[in-house]
Amino acid sequence: MIDLIDFKNWLSLNCGSKASVKTHINNLKDYFRHNEIYNQELVNSFLVSKREIWQATTFNMYLNSFKWYARFLKIELEFPKFRKINVNFHEYISEKELDDILIKLPLIFSNSKKVQTLLKLMFEAGTRPKEIINIKRKDFNFDTKTIILRDTKTYTDREVPLSDKTSKMIQDYFSFEAEKDNAFNISFYTLNYIFNQINKCLNLKKKLSPYMMRRSFAHNLYDKNAELSDIQKTMGHGRIETTFVYLNNSNKKAISNVRAILNKKKRRK
């Protein structure tokens, strides 16, 4: 692993907040876990491998970190443009749509048990792609039916509940395959491959992605009338406004709810 102490000290003088410095350092650590040197070819390869599995905000965050590191090294690299963040509409799938997909996975994957369990967990726990890769089996508590998500985007651990059915499903998979690299023995490349194969083979109307699963988690809770503050906490959002972004195509339901409140007659005492 490359020593980033000098870069961290340089950032502290030039970058601003401690949170920003920590973000840049963690992003570079992630890069150097996969690469030994920092050059144009490897940076391009790294960003290309993440483009389809990262949300635009995450991609842009890493891109910004790489630009800071290039400035620190005093080298000129050509970087792609920041991805456009579309805050107008985000597709998601319902629980029924997920079940329809899970039934068809044995037609695509020889290890369909793993993929089915993985998708069910992502839908129910609202995990970020990096969190899925970081999960260890020791992070599951099947007595309380919870999971601890570590090394998250906000650098804080959070505990997320699991349903009885999903908890049992995960235990069954764990008894089927031993842990090697992580709980599901997958890499970012594998995760990307899984979603690409699903989209290719099932010809879905909605393009499935890791972040769509996270959005679907939020909508599933919202449609079941969960409190917004509970959704925010479970997703690990520091600000409620971030949670609103995940729910921004539920305006019809929000309008319906508000209209019902406005039309509700006050009870006579």
Foldseek 3Di string as FASTA:
>chain_A
DDDCPVVLVVCVVPPDDPLLSVLLVVLVVVLCVPPVDDDQVSVVVVLVLCVFFDALVVSQSSQVSSVSVCVVVVHDYDDDDRDDHDLQDDDADAPVVLVVLLVCQVVQDVVSLLVNLLLLCCLQQLDRPVQSQAAAPVQADLVQQWGWRAPDPSRDIAIGHDDNVSSVSLVVVCVVDPDDNHSSPDDSNRQSVVQVRSCVVVVDPDRDHSNSSSLNSLVNCVVVVHDLVVSCRSNVHPDSVVSCSSVVVCVVVVVVVVVCVVPDDDDDD
